[in-house]
Protein backbone atom coordinates (compact mmCIF):
# COMPACT_ATOMS: atom_id res chain seq x y z
CA MET A 1 98.85 5.76 -8.29
CA ASP A 2 96.14 7.83 -6.67
CA ALA A 3 94.35 6.53 -3.60
CA PRO A 4 90.65 5.78 -3.93
CA PRO A 5 88.27 8.42 -2.61
CA PRO A 6 87.07 7.75 0.90
CA LYS A 7 83.68 6.16 1.21
CA ALA A 8 80.84 7.93 3.01
CA SER A 9 79.91 6.73 6.41
CA ALA A 10 76.97 4.38 6.88
CA ALA A 11 75.04 7.00 8.90
CA SER A 12 75.24 9.57 6.09
CA THR A 13 74.15 6.97 3.52
CA LEU A 14 71.07 5.71 5.37
CA GLN A 15 69.80 9.04 6.67
CA GLY A 16 68.30 11.48 4.16
CA PRO A 17 68.58 15.25 4.39
CA ARG A 18 66.10 16.89 6.74
CA ALA A 19 63.72 19.56 5.45
CA PRO A 20 64.32 23.04 6.88
CA VAL A 21 61.82 24.22 9.49
CA THR A 22 59.74 27.20 8.40
CA ARG A 23 58.61 29.59 11.12
CA TRP A 24 55.98 32.31 10.65
CA ASN A 25 56.31 35.69 12.23
CA ARG A 26 53.59 36.43 14.77
CA ARG A 27 53.20 40.02 13.61
CA TYR A 28 52.37 38.89 10.10
CA LEU A 29 49.88 36.38 11.39
CA MET A 30 48.13 38.96 13.56
CA ALA A 31 48.07 41.50 10.73
CA GLY A 32 46.55 38.93 8.35
CA GLY A 33 43.90 37.92 10.89
CA ALA A 34 42.93 41.56 11.49
CA ALA A 35 42.63 42.20 7.75
CA LEU A 36 40.46 39.12 7.30
CA ALA A 37 38.20 40.17 10.19
CA ALA A 38 37.85 43.64 8.67
CA VAL A 39 36.87 42.16 5.31
CA VAL A 40 34.27 39.94 6.95
CA ALA A 41 32.84 42.86 8.97
CA LEU A 42 32.57 45.02 5.84
CA ALA A 43 30.85 42.18 4.01
CA PHE A 44 28.29 41.88 6.80
CA TYR A 45 27.79 45.63 6.85
CA PHE A 46 27.16 45.94 3.13
CA GLY A 47 25.20 42.67 2.94
CA PHE A 48 22.66 43.67 5.59
CA GLY A 49 22.03 47.13 4.14
CA GLY A 50 24.09 49.20 6.50
CA ALA A 51 25.46 51.37 3.71
CA GLY A 52 23.87 52.97 0.71
CA ARG A 53 20.39 53.13 2.31
CA PRO A 54 18.37 55.76 0.39
CA GLY A 55 17.16 58.69 2.47
CA PRO A 56 13.79 60.40 2.23
CA LYS A 57 13.27 62.23 -1.03
CA ALA A 58 12.10 65.82 -0.90
CA SER A 59 8.95 66.35 -2.91
CA SER A 60 8.53 69.59 -4.79
CA ASN A 61 4.75 69.22 -4.97
CA GLN A 62 4.12 69.62 -1.21
CA PRO A 63 1.32 72.11 -0.48
CA ALA A 64 2.02 75.32 1.36
CA ALA A 65 1.56 75.52 5.12
CA ASP A 66 -1.36 77.94 4.85
CA THR A 67 -3.26 75.91 2.23
CA PRO A 68 -5.53 73.21 3.70
CA PRO A 69 -5.49 69.87 1.89
CA ALA A 70 -8.40 69.17 -0.39
CA THR A 71 -10.73 66.42 0.84
CA PRO A 72 -12.47 64.36 -1.84
CA ASP A 73 -16.24 64.01 -1.74
CA LEU A 74 -16.00 60.22 -1.50
CA ALA A 75 -14.25 60.39 1.90
CA THR A 76 -17.28 62.05 3.54
CA ARG A 77 -19.77 59.39 2.51
CA TYR A 78 -18.49 56.61 4.83
CA PRO A 79 -17.66 56.37 8.54
CA LYS A 80 -14.23 57.61 9.60
CA GLY A 81 -13.56 54.56 11.82
CA TYR A 82 -15.02 51.95 14.15
CA GLY A 83 -15.99 54.67 16.67
CA ASP A 84 -18.00 56.66 14.13
CA LEU A 85 -21.55 55.25 14.20
CA THR A 86 -23.24 58.04 12.20
CA PRO A 87 -22.44 57.60 8.50
CA ALA A 88 -23.30 60.35 6.14
CA ALA A 89 -26.72 60.32 4.56
CA GLY A 90 -26.92 58.91 1.11
CA ALA A 91 -24.13 56.39 1.61
CA PRO A 92 -24.87 53.28 -0.44
CA GLY A 93 -25.88 50.31 1.68
CA SER A 94 -26.21 52.35 4.87
CA VAL A 95 -29.18 51.73 7.11
CA GLY A 96 -30.75 54.20 9.42
CA LEU A 97 -29.04 53.90 12.79
CA PRO A 98 -31.05 54.59 15.93
CA PRO A 99 -30.68 58.09 17.28
CA PRO A 100 -28.52 58.64 20.33
CA GLY A 101 -30.16 57.78 23.63
CA THR A 102 -32.25 54.85 22.32
CA THR A 103 -32.55 52.07 24.94
CA PRO A 104 -31.88 48.40 24.17
CA SER A 105 -35.49 47.44 25.01
CA ALA A 106 -36.78 49.81 22.35
CA LEU A 107 -34.38 48.25 19.86
CA ALA A 108 -35.59 44.73 20.80
CA GLY A 109 -39.22 45.74 20.44
CA ALA A 110 -38.53 47.23 17.07
CA ALA A 111 -36.70 44.06 15.97
CA THR A 112 -39.54 41.76 17.05
CA ALA A 113 -42.31 43.80 15.48
CA PRO A 114 -44.57 41.66 13.29
CA ARG A 115 -44.00 41.91 9.60
CA GLN A 116 -46.63 41.88 6.91
CA VAL A 117 -46.88 38.39 5.37
CA ASP A 118 -48.29 37.75 1.94
CA PRO A 119 -51.54 35.68 2.19
CA ALA A 120 -50.48 33.46 -0.73
CA VAL A 121 -47.17 32.64 0.94
CA GLN A 122 -48.93 31.94 4.24
CA GLN A 123 -51.38 29.58 2.51
CA ALA A 124 -48.57 27.68 0.78
CA GLN A 125 -46.74 27.25 4.11
CA ALA A 126 -49.94 25.93 5.75
CA GLN A 127 -50.44 23.37 2.96
CA ALA A 128 -46.84 22.16 3.25
CA GLN A 129 -47.18 21.79 7.03
CA ALA A 130 -50.46 19.83 6.60
CA ALA A 131 -48.79 17.49 4.07
CA ARG A 132 -45.90 16.82 6.43
CA THR A 133 -48.17 16.05 9.39
CA ALA A 134 -50.69 13.92 7.48
CA SER A 135 -51.20 10.36 8.69
CA PRO A 136 -50.14 7.47 6.42
CA PHE A 137 -53.53 5.84 7.03
CA PHE A 138 -56.88 6.82 5.54
CA GLU A 139 -58.36 8.20 8.77
CA GLY A 140 -56.66 11.52 8.14
CA PRO A 141 -54.80 13.61 10.65
CA ALA A 142 -55.73 13.36 14.27
CA ALA A 143 -58.01 16.00 15.64
CA GLY A 144 -56.45 18.73 17.59
CA GLY A 145 -53.45 19.46 15.37
CA PRO A 146 -50.44 17.53 14.19
CA PRO A 147 -49.55 14.41 16.18
CA PRO A 148 -46.51 14.63 18.40
CA ALA A 149 -43.34 12.91 17.26
CA PRO A 150 -42.95 9.47 18.87
CA ALA A 151 -40.12 8.91 21.27
CA PRO A 152 -37.18 6.81 20.06
CA GLY A 153 -38.02 4.03 22.52
CA ALA A 154 -41.63 3.83 21.41
CA LEU A 155 -40.59 3.72 17.73
CA ALA A 156 -38.14 0.89 18.41
CA GLY A 157 -40.89 -1.11 20.15
CA LEU A 158 -43.45 -0.44 17.42
CA LEU A 159 -41.34 -1.58 14.45
CA PRO A 160 -41.11 -5.29 15.46
CA ALA A 161 -44.88 -5.37 15.98
CA LEU A 162 -45.43 -4.12 12.42
CA GLY A 163 -42.99 -6.66 11.02
CA ALA A 164 -40.33 -4.13 10.12
CA PRO A 165 -36.73 -4.58 11.25
CA ALA A 166 -35.58 -2.38 14.07
CA PRO A 167 -33.14 0.35 13.11
CA ALA A 168 -29.56 -0.73 13.58
CA ALA A 169 -27.46 1.12 16.07
CA PRO A 170 -24.91 3.42 14.49
CA ALA A 171 -21.63 1.56 14.09
CA SER A 172 -18.71 3.08 15.88
CA PRO A 173 -16.01 4.19 13.47
CA ALA A 174 -13.03 1.88 13.30
CA PRO A 175 -9.88 3.39 14.79
CA ALA A 176 -7.26 4.39 12.28
CA ASP A 177 -4.14 2.28 11.94
CA VAL A 178 -0.96 3.63 13.42
CA GLN A 179 1.02 1.90 10.67
CA PRO A 180 -1.27 1.20 7.67
CA ALA A 181 1.45 -0.90 6.00
CA ASN A 182 1.05 -3.59 8.68
CA GLY A 183 -2.62 -4.15 7.77
CA GLN A 184 -3.84 -4.09 11.38
CA GLY A 185 -7.28 -2.87 10.27
CA ALA A 186 -7.79 -5.88 8.00
CA LYS A 187 -6.61 -8.21 10.78
CA ARG A 188 -9.05 -6.63 13.22
CA SER A 189 -11.90 -7.04 10.70
CA PHE A 190 -10.97 -10.69 10.17
CA ALA A 191 -10.98 -11.31 13.93
CA GLN A 192 -14.43 -9.73 14.26
CA SER A 193 -15.86 -11.64 11.28
CA ALA A 194 -14.47 -14.94 12.63
CA LYS A 195 -16.66 -14.66 15.71
CA ALA A 196 -19.73 -16.90 15.56
CA ASP A 197 -22.72 -17.69 17.72
CA ASP A 198 -22.39 -19.89 20.76
CA TYR A 199 -24.69 -22.52 19.22
CA LEU A 200 -24.26 -24.11 15.80
CA ALA A 201 -27.18 -24.11 13.40
CA ASN A 202 -26.55 -27.74 12.38
CA ALA A 203 -27.54 -30.54 14.74
CA LEU A 204 -25.48 -33.62 15.55
CA ARG A 205 -25.62 -36.18 12.74
CA PRO A 206 -25.22 -39.91 13.27
CA PRO A 207 -22.95 -41.86 10.90
CA GLU A 208 -24.71 -42.90 7.71
CA SER A 209 -22.73 -46.11 7.46
CA PRO A 210 -20.63 -48.18 9.86
CA TRP A 211 -17.85 -48.20 7.27
CA GLU A 212 -16.77 -44.61 6.90
CA VAL A 213 -13.45 -42.85 6.56
CA LYS A 214 -14.04 -39.52 8.25
CA ALA A 215 -12.51 -36.18 7.35
CA GLY A 216 -9.19 -35.66 9.09
CA THR A 217 -7.86 -39.11 8.28
CA VAL A 218 -4.33 -39.24 6.90
CA ILE A 219 -3.58 -41.79 4.15
CA PRO A 220 0.14 -42.69 3.89
CA ALA A 221 1.44 -43.31 0.37
CA ALA A 222 4.55 -43.16 -1.83
CA LEU A 223 5.07 -41.85 -5.34
CA LEU A 224 5.33 -44.33 -8.20
CA THR A 225 6.05 -41.66 -10.83
CA ALA A 226 8.41 -38.73 -10.61
CA ILE A 227 7.41 -35.07 -10.80
CA ASN A 228 9.00 -32.41 -13.01
CA SER A 229 7.29 -29.03 -12.86
CA ASP A 230 8.48 -27.88 -16.30
CA LEU A 231 5.26 -29.33 -17.75
CA PRO A 232 1.92 -30.23 -16.09
CA GLY A 233 0.97 -33.87 -15.79
CA GLU A 234 -0.61 -36.62 -13.75
CA ILE A 235 1.04 -38.70 -11.05
CA ILE A 236 0.45 -42.10 -9.49
CA ALA A 237 1.09 -43.11 -5.90
CA GLN A 238 0.49 -46.26 -3.89
CA VAL A 239 -1.00 -46.61 -0.41
CA THR A 240 1.63 -47.99 1.95
CA GLU A 241 -0.58 -48.75 5.00
CA PRO A 242 -4.18 -50.01 5.24
CA ILE A 243 -6.91 -47.58 6.32
CA TYR A 244 -9.56 -48.83 8.77
CA ASP A 245 -13.06 -47.65 9.60
CA HIS A 246 -13.39 -44.65 11.86
CA VAL A 247 -15.65 -46.15 14.56
CA THR A 248 -14.07 -49.48 15.46
CA GLY A 249 -10.73 -49.31 13.67
CA ARG A 250 -10.92 -53.04 12.79
CA THR A 251 -12.42 -53.21 9.30
CA VAL A 252 -10.10 -52.50 6.37
CA LEU A 253 -11.70 -50.05 3.97
CA ILE A 254 -8.68 -48.94 1.87
CA PRO A 255 -6.18 -51.81 1.61
CA GLN A 256 -2.44 -51.48 1.25
CA GLY A 257 -1.43 -51.36 -2.41
CA SER A 258 -4.34 -49.20 -3.58
CA ARG A 259 -3.46 -46.72 -6.30
CA LEU A 260 -3.87 -42.96 -5.99
CA ILE A 261 -4.38 -40.92 -9.17
CA GLY A 262 -3.68 -37.19 -9.01
CA GLN A 263 -2.10 -34.23 -10.71
CA TYR A 264 0.40 -31.49 -9.89
CA ASP A 265 0.60 -27.79 -10.64
CA SER A 266 3.32 -26.61 -13.03
CA GLN A 267 2.95 -22.86 -12.38
CA ILE A 268 5.94 -22.18 -10.15
CA ALA A 269 6.59 -18.69 -8.80
CA TYR A 270 10.04 -17.25 -8.19
CA GLY A 271 11.38 -18.58 -4.89
CA GLN A 272 8.83 -21.41 -4.66
CA GLU A 273 10.29 -24.71 -3.43
CA ARG A 274 7.23 -26.93 -2.98
CA ALA A 275 5.09 -28.64 -5.62
CA LEU A 276 1.31 -28.42 -5.22
CA ILE A 277 -0.44 -31.81 -5.56
CA ALA A 278 -4.12 -32.78 -5.66
CA TRP A 279 -5.45 -36.37 -5.56
CA ASN A 280 -8.63 -37.25 -7.47
CA ARG A 281 -9.20 -41.00 -7.37
CA ILE A 282 -8.51 -44.19 -5.39
CA VAL A 283 -8.40 -47.55 -7.21
CA MET A 284 -8.66 -50.71 -5.04
CA PRO A 285 -6.71 -53.88 -5.87
CA ASP A 286 -9.99 -55.70 -6.63
CA GLY A 287 -10.96 -53.14 -9.30
CA ARG A 288 -13.31 -50.96 -7.30
CA SER A 289 -12.65 -47.22 -7.35
CA ILE A 290 -13.97 -44.02 -5.84
CA ASN A 291 -13.68 -40.40 -6.91
CA ILE A 292 -12.41 -38.36 -3.97
CA GLY A 293 -12.71 -34.94 -5.59
CA SER A 294 -9.53 -32.95 -5.05
CA MET A 295 -7.84 -33.89 -1.80
CA GLU A 296 -4.64 -32.20 -0.81
CA GLY A 297 -1.24 -33.88 -0.89
CA ALA A 298 1.20 -33.12 1.93
CA ASP A 299 4.57 -34.22 3.21
CA LEU A 300 5.28 -36.30 6.32
CA THR A 301 4.73 -33.29 8.61
CA GLY A 302 1.37 -32.35 7.07
CA ALA A 303 2.64 -29.26 5.25
CA SER A 304 0.98 -28.64 1.92
CA GLY A 305 2.91 -29.81 -1.14
CA LEU A 306 6.13 -31.79 -1.57
CA LYS A 307 9.73 -30.59 -1.51
CA ASP A 308 12.68 -32.53 -2.88
CA GLN A 309 14.96 -30.88 -5.45
CA VAL A 310 14.78 -27.32 -6.80
CA ASP A 311 16.66 -26.28 -9.95
CA GLY A 312 16.99 -22.49 -10.13
CA HIS A 313 18.85 -22.66 -13.51
CA PHE A 314 21.78 -20.71 -12.09
CA TRP A 315 24.26 -21.77 -14.78
CA GLN A 316 21.93 -20.72 -17.57
CA LEU A 317 21.51 -17.35 -15.89
CA ALA A 318 25.30 -17.03 -15.52
CA ARG A 319 25.72 -17.90 -19.20
CA GLY A 320 23.23 -15.23 -20.17
CA VAL A 321 25.00 -12.66 -18.00
CA MET A 322 28.38 -13.55 -19.51
CA LEU A 323 27.05 -13.33 -23.07
CA SER A 324 25.39 -10.00 -22.30
CA THR A 325 28.65 -8.72 -20.82
CA VAL A 326 30.66 -9.79 -23.87
CA PHE A 327 28.15 -8.17 -26.22
CA SER A 328 28.14 -4.96 -24.18
CA VAL A 329 31.96 -4.80 -24.16
CA GLY A 330 32.08 -5.37 -27.93
CA ALA A 331 29.44 -2.70 -28.50
CA ALA A 332 31.33 -0.20 -26.32
CA SER A 333 34.60 -0.96 -28.17
CA ALA A 334 32.96 -0.46 -31.53
CA GLN A 335 31.47 2.85 -30.43
CA ASP A 336 34.84 4.02 -29.11
CA ALA A 337 36.57 3.08 -32.36
CA SER A 338 33.87 4.91 -34.32
CA ALA A 339 34.27 7.99 -32.16
CA ARG A 340 38.09 8.02 -32.55
CA SER A 341 38.00 7.67 -36.32
CA SER A 342 37.46 10.72 -38.51
CA GLY A 343 35.00 10.94 -41.34
CA SER A 344 31.83 9.07 -42.10
CA PHE A 345 33.07 5.82 -43.51
CA VAL A 346 30.93 2.82 -44.22
CA ILE A 347 32.89 0.74 -41.74
CA ASN A 348 32.00 3.20 -38.95
CA SER A 349 28.28 2.92 -39.68
CA ALA A 350 28.54 -0.87 -39.84
CA GLY A 351 30.37 -0.96 -36.52
CA SER A 352 27.73 1.21 -34.85
CA GLY A 353 24.90 -0.99 -36.17
CA VAL A 354 26.58 -4.21 -35.11
CA SER A 355 27.29 -2.82 -31.63
CA ALA A 356 23.66 -1.73 -31.16
CA GLU A 357 22.29 -5.10 -32.28
CA ALA A 358 24.77 -7.00 -30.09
CA GLU A 359 23.79 -4.98 -27.02
CA GLN A 360 20.09 -5.54 -27.72
CA ILE A 361 20.58 -9.30 -28.16
CA GLY A 362 22.52 -9.51 -24.89
CA SER A 363 19.70 -7.73 -23.04
CA GLN A 364 17.09 -10.08 -24.52
CA ILE A 365 19.08 -13.18 -23.56
CA THR A 366 19.47 -11.97 -19.97
CA ALA A 367 15.79 -11.06 -19.69
CA ARG A 368 14.77 -14.48 -21.02
CA ASP A 369 16.97 -16.29 -18.51
CA LEU A 370 15.68 -14.16 -15.66
CA ASN A 371 12.04 -14.86 -16.58
CA ARG A 372 12.46 -18.64 -16.53
CA GLN A 373 10.69 -20.23 -13.60
CA PRO A 374 12.53 -22.66 -11.32
CA THR A 375 12.02 -26.39 -11.80
CA ILE A 376 10.84 -28.55 -8.89
CA LYS A 377 11.70 -32.24 -9.11
CA ILE A 378 10.24 -34.98 -6.88
CA ARG A 379 11.83 -38.39 -7.27
CA ALA A 380 9.88 -41.63 -7.52
CA GLY A 381 9.37 -43.39 -4.20
CA TRP A 382 9.08 -40.11 -2.26
CA PRO A 383 6.81 -40.55 0.80
CA LEU A 384 3.70 -38.42 1.10
CA ARG A 385 0.38 -38.07 2.92
CA VAL A 386 -3.17 -37.58 1.60
CA LEU A 387 -5.31 -35.34 3.84
CA VAL A 388 -8.95 -36.50 3.76
CA ASN A 389 -11.23 -33.42 3.85
CA LYS A 390 -14.61 -35.13 3.27
CA ASP A 391 -16.32 -38.18 4.72
CA MET A 392 -16.06 -41.25 2.50
CA ILE A 393 -18.55 -44.13 2.66
CA LEU A 394 -16.79 -47.31 1.60
CA ALA A 395 -17.26 -51.07 1.91
CA PRO A 396 -15.15 -53.64 3.75
CA TYR A 397 -12.33 -54.98 1.68
CA PRO A 398 -12.61 -58.75 1.29
């Protein structure tokens, strides 16, 4: 019986064969580098026009050495250069230049010599000058020629005496904004327009009644009806603390338990989290009421509007996205199946139509869910404040 073959050692089993080391000959490397440098040098030489540059062509029509070149007649009619000040006679547009040796004073005297003026033109100029210098009054122009123009200071002092407003000083141009996107120019204009005189035009007014609730008073209240901004509607609140007169603070003018009638805005923008409220009427427990216009509703800190719960309809948006994704995947699968199949079968046309309609429906569902405004909900019993912005004349509550 044959003996079993010997097993390989553990070292030979765990270690794999090593890859042979490849070494490059230095001569080959140097020869390859020199060839590459030569190719690059030749490319530069041919690329920059070092070779193949055309030389001067010999012309067979050159005149003989003893034959002078013909000069055209046009070349003698104009100056030869900037140093030639004597153009040929008969050149178009040329003026007679002064002869050599003429002094500058003679040239100035010739330039200032009086010209002959047409009498009709001179008369028309005199009439225009007389019309410009005529006085606006009926006395006619002052004797001794046209009146001198008044100085700017005298004109500024004369206009108020005649009842005319003084001319406004030219406004200095506003400096340009370094970054127009920040709106610094509009902010600067607002700061300048907000400046007022040191004294108010209205005088101090005494109170018209000893029982007044002045502007700036805060009326605490609580909601009796809830708010849902999906639809507009009216709300009712109840005053939780009595309101006293402004002067003494002892007489109750708005008792605790009075009803507030108002309304809320249902137009909610994307990202809005506060409901806008306006209060219109106060009803006393004894039946008396007063219309307060449109006073603002605020939260406990005085910020405009109320904030409680905001529904962004996330799950409806997720449902729309999922449906749109499913329709898009089905449309893509149908198009792929139609592209793989051969021939124009009816089933291929039907698949293409269904895929297009499904993709369009998915897009419409997603767009509808994205366009839905968030819903703001304020629960009943939510505390609020009414900011009084006008003086109210009331009567003591019995």
